[in-house]
Amino acid sequence: MEYVGILFVIMGGWVFLSWYKHMLVMLLSLEIMMLGLYIMLGCWKLMFLGEEMVLMIFLGFSVCEGSVGLSLMVMFVRMYGSDYFNNFSILWC
């Protein structure tokens, strides 16, 4: 099961690097990478029987990261009209 988590992280990183022009795809690939890390952390916790709240704290940080990314995407779409990175420059702000 740990290999599934590693596969999620690798594939999410590949999508993040290859589709870097669209913000929505980048956010989805970050969520896939976080899911892979969550799976790997869950497998590690099952092997070593550590603290039970580590998974919940990690899941909370993952949700906060997703909501901040989604709010930034909504802000960019409202300001520039799309999530395509070549249409705008961060230096304009």
PDB file of N, CA and C in Angstrom:
ATOM      1  N   MET A   1       0.821  -1.194   0.000  1.00  0.00           N
ATOM      2  CA  MET A   1       0.000   0.000   0.000  1.00  0.00           C
ATOM      3  C   MET A   1       0.866   1.258   0.000  1.00  0.00           C
ATOM      4  N   GLU A   2       2.057   1.141   0.567  1.00  0.00           N
ATOM      5  CA  GLU A   2       2.948   2.300   0.599  1.00  0.00           C
ATOM      6  C   GLU A   2       3.393   2.690  -0.809  1.00  0.00           C
ATOM      7  N   TYR A   3       3.488   1.699  -1.696  1.00  0.00           N
ATOM      8  CA  TYR A   3       3.891   1.997  -3.069  1.00  0.00           C
ATOM      9  C   TYR A   3       2.830   2.796  -3.811  1.00  0.00           C
ATOM     10  N   VAL A   4       1.574   2.637  -3.432  1.00  0.00           N
ATOM     11  CA  VAL A   4       0.506   3.444  -4.029  1.00  0.00           C
ATOM     12  C   VAL A   4       0.705   4.909  -3.655  1.00  0.00           C
ATOM     13  N   GLY A   5       1.073   5.170  -2.410  1.00  0.00           N
ATOM     14  CA  GLY A   5       1.348   6.534  -1.979  1.00  0.00           C
ATOM     15  C   GLY A   5       2.527   7.139  -2.720  1.00  0.00           C
ATOM     16  N   ILE A   6       3.575   6.352  -2.902  1.00  0.00           N
ATOM     17  CA  ILE A   6       4.740   6.836  -3.648  1.00  0.00           C
ATOM     18  C   ILE A   6       4.363   7.120  -5.095  1.00  0.00           C
ATOM     19  N   LEU A   7       3.535   6.250  -5.681  1.00  0.00           N
ATOM     20  CA  LEU A   7       3.071   6.460  -7.052  1.00  0.00           C
ATOM     21  C   LEU A   7       2.236   7.732  -7.162  1.00  0.00           C
ATOM     22  N   PHE A   8       1.370   7.994  -6.179  1.00  0.00           N
ATOM     23  CA  PHE A   8       0.571   9.223  -6.185  1.00  0.00           C
ATOM     24  C   PHE A   8       1.465  10.454  -6.129  1.00  0.00           C
ATOM     25  N   VAL A   9       2.485  10.420  -5.288  1.00  0.00           N
ATOM     26  CA  VAL A   9       3.381  11.579  -5.162  1.00  0.00           C
ATOM     27  C   VAL A   9       4.154  11.804  -6.456  1.00  0.00           C
ATOM     28  N   ILE A  10       4.660  10.742  -7.053  1.00  0.00           N
ATOM     29  CA  ILE A  10       5.433  10.877  -8.293  1.00  0.00           C
ATOM     30  C   ILE A  10       4.553  11.364  -9.433  1.00  0.00           C
ATOM     31  N   MET A  11       3.373  10.769  -9.587  1.00  0.00           N
ATOM     32  CA  MET A  11       2.484  11.182 -10.675  1.00  0.00           C
ATOM     33  C   MET A  11       1.955  12.599 -10.456  1.00  0.00           C
ATOM     34  N   GLY A  12       1.663  12.960  -9.203  1.00  0.00           N
ATOM     35  CA  GLY A  12       1.237  14.324  -8.916  1.00  0.00           C
ATOM     36  C   GLY A  12       2.330  15.333  -9.219  1.00  0.00           C
ATOM     37  N   GLY A  13       3.573  14.994  -8.898  1.00  0.00           N
ATOM     38  CA  GLY A  13       4.693  15.877  -9.229  1.00  0.00           C
ATOM     39  C   GLY A  13       4.904  16.005 -10.718  1.00  0.00           C
ATOM     40  N   TRP A  14       4.722  14.899 -11.439  1.00  0.00           N
ATOM     41  CA  TRP A  14       4.867  14.941 -12.898  1.00  0.00           C
ATOM     42  C   TRP A  14       3.794  15.822 -13.526  1.00  0.00           C
ATOM     43  N   VAL A  15       2.554  15.677 -13.077  1.00  0.00           N
ATOM     44  CA  VAL A  15       1.472  16.518 -13.604  1.00  0.00           C
ATOM     45  C   VAL A  15       1.707  17.976 -13.229  1.00  0.00           C
ATOM     46  N   PHE A  16       2.179  18.222 -12.011  1.00  0.00           N
ATOM     47  CA  PHE A  16       2.453  19.594 -11.568  1.00  0.00           C
ATOM     48  C   PHE A  16       3.506  20.255 -12.450  1.00  0.00           C
ATOM     49  N   LEU A  17       4.540  19.507 -12.818  1.00  0.00           N
ATOM     50  CA  LEU A  17       5.609  20.080 -13.633  1.00  0.00           C
ATOM     51  C   LEU A  17       5.258  20.168 -15.111  1.00  0.00           C
ATOM     52  N   SER A  18       4.400  19.279 -15.600  1.00  0.00           N
ATOM     53  CA  SER A  18       4.097  19.296 -17.028  1.00  0.00           C
ATOM     54  C   SER A  18       2.905  20.183 -17.376  1.00  0.00           C
ATOM     55  N   TRP A  19       1.987  20.409 -16.459  1.00  0.00           N
ATOM     56  CA  TRP A  19       0.816  21.257 -16.714  1.00  0.00           C
ATOM     57  C   TRP A  19       0.895  22.526 -15.872  1.00  0.00           C
ATOM     58  N   TYR A  20       2.030  23.167 -15.833  1.00  0.00           N
ATOM     59  CA  TYR A  20       2.241  24.315 -14.961  1.00  0.00           C
ATOM     60  C   TYR A  20       1.537  25.580 -15.431  1.00  0.00           C
ATOM     61  N   LYS A  21       0.908  25.562 -16.596  1.00  0.00           N
ATOM     62  CA  LYS A  21       0.281  26.778 -17.110  1.00  0.00           C
ATOM     63  C   LYS A  21      -1.148  26.971 -16.622  1.00  0.00           C
ATOM     64  N   HIS A  22      -1.785  25.928 -16.124  1.00  0.00           N
ATOM     65  CA  HIS A  22      -3.161  26.035 -15.650  1.00  0.00           C
ATOM     66  C   HIS A  22      -3.199  25.856 -14.138  1.00  0.00           C
ATOM     67  N   MET A  23      -3.779  26.822 -13.461  1.00  0.00           N
ATOM     68  CA  MET A  23      -3.767  26.816 -12.005  1.00  0.00           C
ATOM     69  C   MET A  23      -4.636  25.707 -11.422  1.00  0.00           C
ATOM     70  N   LEU A  24      -5.772  25.411 -12.042  1.00  0.00           N
ATOM     71  CA  LEU A  24      -6.656  24.371 -11.516  1.00  0.00           C
ATOM     72  C   LEU A  24      -5.988  22.998 -11.563  1.00  0.00           C
ATOM     73  N   VAL A  25      -5.295  22.691 -12.638  1.00  0.00           N
ATOM     74  CA  VAL A  25      -4.597  21.405 -12.749  1.00  0.00           C
ATOM     75  C   VAL A  25      -3.460  21.340 -11.733  1.00  0.00           C
ATOM     76  N   MET A  26      -2.793  22.462 -11.510  1.00  0.00           N
ATOM     77  CA  MET A  26      -1.724  22.485 -10.512  1.00  0.00           C
ATOM     78  C   MET A  26      -2.279  22.231  -9.113  1.00  0.00           C
ATOM     79  N   LEU A  27      -3.424  22.831  -8.787  1.00  0.00           N
ATOM     80  CA  LEU A  27      -4.024  22.607  -7.475  1.00  0.00           C
ATOM     81  C   LEU A  27      -4.480  21.160  -7.304  1.00  0.00           C
ATOM     82  N   LEU A  28      -5.047  20.579  -8.359  1.00  0.00           N
ATOM     83  CA  LEU A  28      -5.455  19.174  -8.278  1.00  0.00           C
ATOM     84  C   LEU A  28      -4.251  18.247  -8.119  1.00  0.00           C
ATOM     85  N   SER A  29      -3.151  18.563  -8.795  1.00  0.00           N
ATOM     86  CA  SER A  29      -1.960  17.720  -8.640  1.00  0.00           C
ATOM     87  C   SER A  29      -1.363  17.858  -7.238  1.00  0.00           C
ATOM     88  N   LEU A  30      -1.448  19.050  -6.653  1.00  0.00           N
ATOM     89  CA  LEU A  30      -1.001  19.199  -5.263  1.00  0.00           C
ATOM     90  C   LEU A  30      -1.867  18.374  -4.315  1.00  0.00           C
ATOM     91  N   GLU A  31      -3.168  18.330  -4.577  1.00  0.00           N
ATOM     92  CA  GLU A  31      -4.049  17.516  -3.744  1.00  0.00           C
ATOM     93  C   GLU A  31      -3.754  16.026  -3.914  1.00  0.00           C
ATOM     94  N   ILE A  32      -3.417  15.596  -5.121  1.00  0.00           N
ATOM     95  CA  ILE A  32      -3.046  14.194  -5.339  1.00  0.00           C
ATOM     96  C   ILE A  32      -1.756  13.873  -4.591  1.00  0.00           C
ATOM     97  N   MET A  33      -0.804  14.805  -4.606  1.00  0.00           N
ATOM     98  CA  MET A  33       0.439  14.582  -3.869  1.00  0.00           C
ATOM     99  C   MET A  33       0.178  14.520  -2.366  1.00  0.00           C
ATOM    100  N   MET A  34      -0.718  15.369  -1.865  1.00  0.00           N
ATOM    101  CA  MET A  34      -1.054  15.331  -0.442  1.00  0.00           C
ATOM    102  C   MET A  34      -1.757  14.018  -0.080  1.00  0.00           C
ATOM    103  N   LEU A  35      -2.597  13.514  -0.979  1.00  0.00           N
ATOM    104  CA  LEU A  35      -3.250  12.230  -0.740  1.00  0.00           C
ATOM    105  C   LEU A  35      -2.221  11.102  -0.690  1.00  0.00           C
ATOM    106  N   GLY A  36      -1.229  11.157  -1.577  1.00  0.00           N
ATOM    107  CA  GLY A  36      -0.162  10.162  -1.546  1.00  0.00           C
ATOM    108  C   GLY A  36       0.643  10.226  -0.258  1.00  0.00           C
ATOM    109  N   LEU A  37       0.950  11.439   0.198  1.00  0.00           N
ATOM    110  CA  LEU A  37       1.660  11.577   1.470  1.00  0.00           C
ATOM    111  C   LEU A  37       0.816  11.085   2.637  1.00  0.00           C
ATOM    112  N   TYR A  38      -0.506  11.318   2.554  1.00  0.00           N
ATOM    113  CA  TYR A  38      -1.409  10.838   3.598  1.00  0.00           C
ATOM    114  C   TYR A  38      -1.422   9.309   3.643  1.00  0.00           C
ATOM    115  N   ILE A  39      -1.427   8.675   2.480  1.00  0.00           N
ATOM    116  CA  ILE A  39      -1.390   7.210   2.422  1.00  0.00           C
ATOM    117  C   ILE A  39      -0.068   6.690   2.983  1.00  0.00           C
ATOM    118  N   MET A  40       1.043   7.330   2.601  1.00  0.00           N
ATOM    119  CA  MET A  40       2.345   6.882   3.111  1.00  0.00           C
ATOM    120  C   MET A  40       2.447   7.092   4.616  1.00  0.00           C
ATOM    121  N   LEU A  41       1.922   8.214   5.118  1.00  0.00           N
ATOM    122  CA  LEU A  41       1.953   8.470   6.555  1.00  0.00           C
ATOM    123  C   LEU A  41       1.076   7.469   7.302  1.00  0.00           C
ATOM    124  N   GLY A  42      -0.066   7.106   6.699  1.00  0.00           N
ATOM    125  CA  GLY A  42      -0.927   6.097   7.315  1.00  0.00           C
ATOM    126  C   GLY A  42      -0.262   4.734   7.376  1.00  0.00           C
ATOM    127  N   CYS A  43       0.438   4.348   6.322  1.00  0.00           N
ATOM    128  CA  CYS A  43       1.164   3.066   6.326  1.00  0.00           C
ATOM    129  C   CYS A  43       2.301   3.088   7.332  1.00  0.00           C
ATOM    130  N   TRP A  44       2.988   4.212   7.427  1.00  0.00           N
ATOM    131  CA  TRP A  44       4.085   4.329   8.389  1.00  0.00           C
ATOM    132  C   TRP A  44       3.557   4.254   9.812  1.00  0.00           C
ATOM    133  N   LYS A  45       2.401   4.872  10.052  1.00  0.00           N
ATOM    134  CA  LYS A  45       1.807   4.842  11.375  1.00  0.00           C
ATOM    135  C   LYS A  45       1.359   3.431  11.742  1.00  0.00           C
ATOM    136  N   LEU A  46       0.847   2.678  10.760  1.00  0.00           N
ATOM    137  CA  LEU A  46       0.443   1.301  11.044  1.00  0.00           C
ATOM    138  C   LEU A  46       1.642   0.422  11.379  1.00  0.00           C
ATOM    139  N   MET A  47       2.801   0.720  10.776  1.00  0.00           N
ATOM    140  CA  MET A  47       3.981  -0.106  11.047  1.00  0.00           C
ATOM    141  C   MET A  47       4.589   0.208  12.407  1.00  0.00           C
ATOM    142  N   PHE A  48       4.611   1.469  12.799  1.00  0.00           N
ATOM    143  CA  PHE A  48       5.329   1.847  14.012  1.00  0.00           C
ATOM    144  C   PHE A  48       4.431   2.219  15.182  1.00  0.00           C
ATOM    145  N   LEU A  49       3.120   2.302  14.969  1.00  0.00           N
ATOM    146  CA  LEU A  49       2.155   2.598  16.030  1.00  0.00           C
ATOM    147  C   LEU A  49       2.541   3.846  16.821  1.00  0.00           C
ATOM    148  N   GLY A  50       2.605   4.953  16.127  1.00  0.00           N
ATOM    149  CA  GLY A  50       2.951   6.218  16.768  1.00  0.00           C
ATOM    150  C   GLY A  50       1.723   6.939  17.289  1.00  0.00           C
ATOM    151  N   GLU A  51       1.792   8.226  17.271  1.00  0.00           N
ATOM    152  CA  GLU A  51       0.710   9.085  17.743  1.00  0.00           C
ATOM    153  C   GLU A  51      -0.489   9.000  16.804  1.00  0.00           C
ATOM    154  N   GLU A  52      -1.697   8.898  17.370  1.00  0.00           N
ATOM    155  CA  GLU A  52      -2.898   8.756  16.552  1.00  0.00           C
ATOM    156  C   GLU A  52      -3.341  10.071  15.914  1.00  0.00           C
ATOM    157  N   MET A  53      -3.016  11.185  16.502  1.00  0.00           N
ATOM    158  CA  MET A  53      -3.506  12.470  16.004  1.00  0.00           C
ATOM    159  C   MET A  53      -2.676  13.027  14.851  1.00  0.00           C
ATOM    160  N   VAL A  54      -1.581  12.393  14.511  1.00  0.00           N
ATOM    161  CA  VAL A  54      -0.721  12.893  13.437  1.00  0.00           C
ATOM    162  C   VAL A  54      -1.468  12.904  12.113  1.00  0.00           C
ATOM    163  N   LEU A  55      -2.246  11.864  11.835  1.00  0.00           N
ATOM    164  CA  LEU A  55      -2.997  11.799  10.584  1.00  0.00           C
ATOM    165  C   LEU A  55      -4.062  12.881  10.520  1.00  0.00           C
ATOM    166  N   MET A  56      -4.721  13.155  11.631  1.00  0.00           N
ATOM    167  CA  MET A  56      -5.761  14.187  11.637  1.00  0.00           C
ATOM    168  C   MET A  56      -5.155  15.580  11.471  1.00  0.00           C
ATOM    169  N   ILE A  57      -4.016  15.826  12.075  1.00  0.00           N
ATOM    170  CA  ILE A  57      -3.347  17.121  11.918  1.00  0.00           C
ATOM    171  C   ILE A  57      -2.890  17.299  10.478  1.00  0.00           C
ATOM    172  N   PHE A  58      -2.328  16.254   9.895  1.00  0.00           N
ATOM    173  CA  PHE A  58      -1.897  16.322   8.503  1.00  0.00           C
ATOM    174  C   PHE A  58      -3.079  16.551   7.574  1.00  0.00           C
ATOM    175  N   LEU A  59      -4.190  15.877   7.830  1.00  0.00           N
ATOM    176  CA  LEU A  59      -5.390  16.059   7.021  1.00  0.00           C
ATOM    177  C   LEU A  59      -5.938  17.473   7.169  1.00  0.00           C
ATOM    178  N   GLY A  60      -5.854  18.036   8.370  1.00  0.00           N
ATOM    179  CA  GLY A  60      -6.273  19.427   8.577  1.00  0.00           C
ATOM    180  C   GLY A  60      -5.424  20.405   7.789  1.00  0.00           C
ATOM    181  N   PHE A  61      -4.108  20.206   7.786  1.00  0.00           N
ATOM    182  CA  PHE A  61      -3.231  21.066   6.991  1.00  0.00           C
ATOM    183  C   PHE A  61      -3.504  20.915   5.501  1.00  0.00           C
ATOM    184  N   SER A  62      -3.811  19.707   5.078  1.00  0.00           N
ATOM    185  CA  SER A  62      -4.119  19.470   3.670  1.00  0.00           C
ATOM    186  C   SER A  62      -5.390  20.197   3.254  1.00  0.00           C
ATOM    187  N   VAL A  63      -6.396  20.180   4.099  1.00  0.00           N
ATOM    188  CA  VAL A  63      -7.643  20.884   3.800  1.00  0.00           C
ATOM    189  C   VAL A  63      -7.416  22.389   3.769  1.00  0.00           C
ATOM    190  N   CYS A  64      -6.626  22.903   4.699  1.00  0.00           N
ATOM    191  CA  CYS A  64      -6.326  24.345   4.704  1.00  0.00           C
ATOM    192  C   CYS A  64      -5.563  24.749   3.448  1.00  0.00           C
ATOM    193  N   GLU A  65      -4.632  23.929   3.019  1.00  0.00           N
ATOM    194  CA  GLU A  65      -3.882  24.213   1.792  1.00  0.00           C
ATOM    195  C   GLU A  65      -4.797  24.224   0.583  1.00  0.00           C
ATOM    196  N   GLY A  66      -5.730  23.299   0.539  1.00  0.00           N
ATOM    197  CA  GLY A  66      -6.671  23.249  -0.573  1.00  0.00           C
ATOM    198  C   GLY A  66      -7.596  24.449  -0.610  1.00  0.00           C
ATOM    199  N   SER A  67      -8.064  24.880   0.548  1.00  0.00           N
ATOM    200  CA  SER A  67      -8.976  26.031   0.569  1.00  0.00           C
ATOM    201  C   SER A  67      -8.253  27.325   0.225  1.00  0.00           C
ATOM    202  N   VAL A  68      -7.015  27.481   0.663  1.00  0.00           N
ATOM    203  CA  VAL A  68      -6.247  28.677   0.295  1.00  0.00           C
ATOM    204  C   VAL A  68      -5.960  28.688  -1.203  1.00  0.00           C
ATOM    205  N   GLY A  69      -5.603  27.545  -1.756  1.00  0.00           N
ATOM    206  CA  GLY A  69      -5.356  27.464  -3.197  1.00  0.00           C
ATOM    207  C   GLY A  69      -6.596  27.757  -4.009  1.00  0.00           C
ATOM    208  N   LEU A  70      -7.740  27.242  -3.572  1.00  0.00           N
ATOM    209  CA  LEU A  70      -8.987  27.492  -4.289  1.00  0.00           C
ATOM    210  C   LEU A  70      -9.387  28.958  -4.214  1.00  0.00           C
ATOM    211  N   SER A  71      -9.190  29.586  -3.061  1.00  0.00           N
ATOM    212  CA  SER A  71      -9.525  31.013  -2.956  1.00  0.00           C
ATOM    213  C   SER A  71      -8.589  31.865  -3.811  1.00  0.00           C
ATOM    214  N   LEU A  72      -7.315  31.489  -3.904  1.00  0.00           N
ATOM    215  CA  LEU A  72      -6.403  32.212  -4.796  1.00  0.00           C
ATOM    216  C   LEU A  72      -6.800  32.044  -6.254  1.00  0.00           C
ATOM    217  N   MET A  73      -7.249  30.835  -6.618  1.00  0.00           N
ATOM    218  CA  MET A  73      -7.675  30.620  -7.990  1.00  0.00           C
ATOM    219  C   MET A  73      -8.921  31.437  -8.313  1.00  0.00           C
ATOM    220  N   VAL A  74      -9.872  31.503  -7.387  1.00  0.00           N
ATOM    221  CA  VAL A  74     -11.072  32.318  -7.605  1.00  0.00           C
ATOM    222  C   VAL A  74     -10.691  33.784  -7.751  1.00  0.00           C
ATOM    223  N   MET A  75      -9.736  34.251  -6.946  1.00  0.00           N
ATOM    224  CA  MET A  75      -9.299  35.641  -7.045  1.00  0.00           C
ATOM    225  C   MET A  75      -8.658  35.917  -8.406  1.00  0.00           C
ATOM    226  N   PHE A  76      -7.793  35.009  -8.875  1.00  0.00           N
ATOM    227  CA  PHE A  76      -7.152  35.206 -10.174  1.00  0.00           C
ATOM    228  C   PHE A  76      -8.154  35.149 -11.321  1.00  0.00           C
ATOM    229  N   VAL A  77      -9.128  34.246 -11.235  1.00  0.00           N
ATOM    230  CA  VAL A  77     -10.126  34.150 -12.302  1.00  0.00           C
ATOM    231  C   VAL A  77     -10.988  35.400 -12.326  1.00  0.00           C
ATOM    232  N   ARG A  78     -11.327  35.936 -11.176  1.00  0.00           N
ATOM    233  CA  ARG A  78     -12.110  37.176 -11.148  1.00  0.00           C
ATOM    234  C   ARG A  78     -11.314  38.366 -11.661  1.00  0.00           C
ATOM    235  N   MET A  79     -10.015  38.390 -11.401  1.00  0.00           N
ATOM    236  CA  MET A  79      -9.200  39.529 -11.842  1.00  0.00           C
ATOM    237  C   MET A  79      -8.833  39.436 -13.314  1.00  0.00           C
ATOM    238  N   TYR A  80      -8.469  38.249 -13.793  1.00  0.00           N
ATOM    239  CA  TYR A  80      -7.911  38.107 -15.134  1.00  0.00           C
ATOM    240  C   TYR A  80      -8.795  37.335 -16.108  1.00  0.00           C
ATOM    241  N   GLY A  81      -9.825  36.660 -15.646  1.00  0.00           N
ATOM    242  CA  GLY A  81     -10.752  35.993 -16.541  1.00  0.00           C
ATOM    243  C   GLY A  81     -10.449  34.540 -16.841  1.00  0.00           C
ATOM    244  N   SER A  82      -9.308  34.018 -16.439  1.00  0.00           N
ATOM    245  CA  SER A  82      -9.010  32.595 -16.643  1.00  0.00           C
ATOM    246  C   SER A  82      -7.922  32.167 -15.664  1.00  0.00           C
ATOM    247  N   ASP A  83      -7.676  30.850 -15.655  1.00  0.00           N
ATOM    248  CA  ASP A  83      -6.625  30.322 -14.785  1.00  0.00           C
ATOM    249  C   ASP A  83      -5.347  30.030 -15.557  1.00  0.00           C
ATOM    250  N   TYR A  84      -5.255  30.516 -16.772  1.00  0.00           N
ATOM    251  CA  TYR A  84      -4.095  30.284 -17.630  1.00  0.00           C
ATOM    252  C   TYR A  84      -2.991  31.260 -17.234  1.00  0.00           C
ATOM    253  N   PHE A  85      -1.823  30.736 -16.848  1.00  0.00           N
ATOM    254  CA  PHE A  85      -0.760  31.570 -16.304  1.00  0.00           C
ATOM    255  C   PHE A  85      -0.096  32.496 -17.313  1.00  0.00           C
ATOM    256  N   ASN A  86      -0.163  32.194 -18.596  1.00  0.00           N
ATOM    257  CA  ASN A  86       0.485  33.072 -19.574  1.00  0.00           C
ATOM    258  C   ASN A  86      -0.309  34.341 -19.841  1.00  0.00           C
ATOM    259  N   ASN A  87      -1.568  34.401 -19.392  1.00  0.00           N
ATOM    260  CA  ASN A  87      -2.379  35.592 -19.619  1.00  0.00           C
ATOM    261  C   ASN A  87      -2.050  36.731 -18.671  1.00  0.00           C
ATOM    262  N   PHE A  88      -1.423  36.448 -17.576  1.00  0.00           N
ATOM    263  CA  PHE A  88      -1.129  37.497 -16.611  1.00  0.00           C
ATOM    264  C   PHE A  88       0.257  37.297 -16.026  1.00  0.00           C
ATOM    265  N   SER A  89       0.738  38.337 -15.411  1.00  0.00           N
ATOM    266  CA  SER A  89       2.035  38.283 -14.758  1.00  0.00           C
ATOM    267  C   SER A  89       1.850  38.675 -13.302  1.00  0.00           C
ATOM    268  N   ILE A  90       2.552  38.021 -12.423  1.00  0.00           N
ATOM    269  CA  ILE A  90       2.459  38.335 -11.004  1.00  0.00           C
ATOM    270  C   ILE A  90       3.013  39.734 -10.734  1.00  0.00           C
ATOM    271  N   LEU A  91       3.895  40.218 -11.599  1.00  0.00           N
ATOM    272  CA  LEU A  91       4.495  41.532 -11.394  1.00  0.00           C
ATOM    273  C   LEU A  91       3.509  42.672 -11.640  1.00  0.00           C
ATOM    274  N   TRP A  92       2.382  42.398 -12.291  1.00  0.00           N
ATOM    275  CA  TRP A  92       1.397  43.443 -12.533  1.00  0.00           C
ATOM    276  C   TRP A  92       0.702  43.880 -11.254  1.00  0.00           C
ATOM    277  N   CYS A  93       0.607  43.025 -10.271  1.00  0.00           N
ATOM    278  CA  CYS A  93      -0.176  43.304  -9.063  1.00  0.00           C
ATOM    279  C   CYS A  93       0.404  44.405  -8.223  1.00  0.00           C
TER     280      CYS A  93
END
